[in-house]
Amino acid sequence: MQFIEMSGKTLLRLSKEGGPSLEELAAVGVNNESVVRINRQGDIELRRADGWDLIGGLLGDYEHRVQRETGMDWA
């Protein structure tokens, strides 16, 4: 599966355009220093101490938004 990895700070900016609210992300532990990744289906995973935790998904034209915001391609 392909992902784009980013900081929690970047995800918080992206979520304003379609996805979990800032409050929902904070409730599951996302903060500016978090490590998150998004797969091509729009699923958001948060890095925990022992692995990755699925925490939600992005909506809309997220593929282009993720690439634009991070400058990265799917890997």
Protein backbone atom coordinates (compact mmCIF):
# COMPACT_ATOMS: atom_id res chain seq x y z
CA MET A 1 0.00 0.00 0.00
CA GLN A 2 1.23 3.51 -0.77
CA PHE A 3 1.28 6.35 1.75
CA ILE A 4 2.34 9.94 2.20
CA GLU A 5 3.75 10.60 5.66
CA MET A 6 3.50 14.02 7.32
CA SER A 7 3.45 15.83 10.62
CA GLY A 8 0.33 16.32 12.67
CA LYS A 9 0.64 20.05 11.97
CA THR A 10 0.29 19.41 8.23
CA LEU A 11 -2.69 17.10 8.75
CA LEU A 12 -4.41 19.72 10.91
CA ARG A 13 -4.12 22.21 8.01
CA LEU A 14 -5.42 19.63 5.50
CA SER A 15 -8.40 18.62 7.64
CA LYS A 16 -9.86 22.09 7.43
CA GLU A 17 -10.67 21.33 3.75
CA GLY A 18 -12.50 18.05 4.38
CA GLY A 19 -12.00 15.37 6.96
CA PRO A 20 -12.12 14.93 10.71
CA SER A 21 -12.55 18.15 12.67
CA LEU A 22 -9.68 19.63 14.65
CA GLU A 23 -11.51 18.59 17.81
CA GLU A 24 -11.86 14.98 16.62
CA LEU A 25 -8.18 14.80 15.72
CA ALA A 26 -7.16 16.25 19.09
CA ALA A 27 -9.42 13.73 20.87
CA VAL A 28 -7.50 10.79 19.34
CA GLY A 29 -4.13 12.35 20.17
CA VAL A 30 -3.07 14.24 17.04
CA ASN A 31 -0.95 17.30 17.77
CA ASN A 32 1.61 19.34 15.81
CA GLU A 33 4.42 16.88 16.55
CA SER A 34 2.47 13.71 15.68
CA VAL A 35 3.58 11.46 12.83
CA VAL A 36 0.72 10.53 10.54
CA ARG A 37 0.32 8.94 7.15
CA ILE A 38 -2.46 8.87 4.59
CA ASN A 39 -3.02 6.10 2.08
CA ARG A 40 -4.44 6.53 -1.42
CA GLN A 41 -7.93 5.67 -0.14
CA GLY A 42 -7.79 8.66 2.24
CA ASP A 43 -7.40 6.67 5.47
CA ILE A 44 -5.46 8.52 8.16
CA GLU A 45 -3.14 6.55 10.45
CA LEU A 46 -1.47 7.92 13.57
CA ARG A 47 1.91 6.57 14.71
CA ARG A 48 1.70 5.22 18.23
CA ALA A 49 4.54 3.77 20.31
CA ASP A 50 3.75 0.23 19.17
CA GLY A 51 2.44 0.72 15.61
CA TRP A 52 -0.03 2.59 13.44
CA ASP A 53 -3.61 3.34 14.50
CA LEU A 54 -6.38 4.08 11.97
CA ILE A 55 -8.05 7.30 13.16
CA GLY A 56 -10.26 8.52 10.30
CA GLY A 57 -10.25 9.63 6.71
CA LEU A 58 -10.02 12.61 4.42
CA LEU A 59 -12.81 13.60 2.05
CA GLY A 60 -12.96 15.35 -1.31
CA ASP A 61 -9.97 15.97 -3.53
CA TYR A 62 -7.53 14.87 -0.82
CA GLU A 63 -4.94 13.28 -3.16
CA HIS A 64 -4.05 16.60 -4.76
CA ARG A 65 -4.31 18.48 -1.46
CA VAL A 66 -1.94 16.04 0.26
CA GLN A 67 0.59 16.23 -2.55
CA ARG A 68 0.35 20.02 -2.75
CA GLU A 69 0.74 20.48 1.01
CA THR A 70 3.63 18.02 1.47
CA GLY A 71 5.43 18.21 -1.86
CA MET A 72 5.61 14.39 -1.77
CA ASP A 73 4.37 11.60 -3.99
CA TRP A 74 2.81 8.31 -2.91
CA ALA A 75 5.42 5.76 -1.83
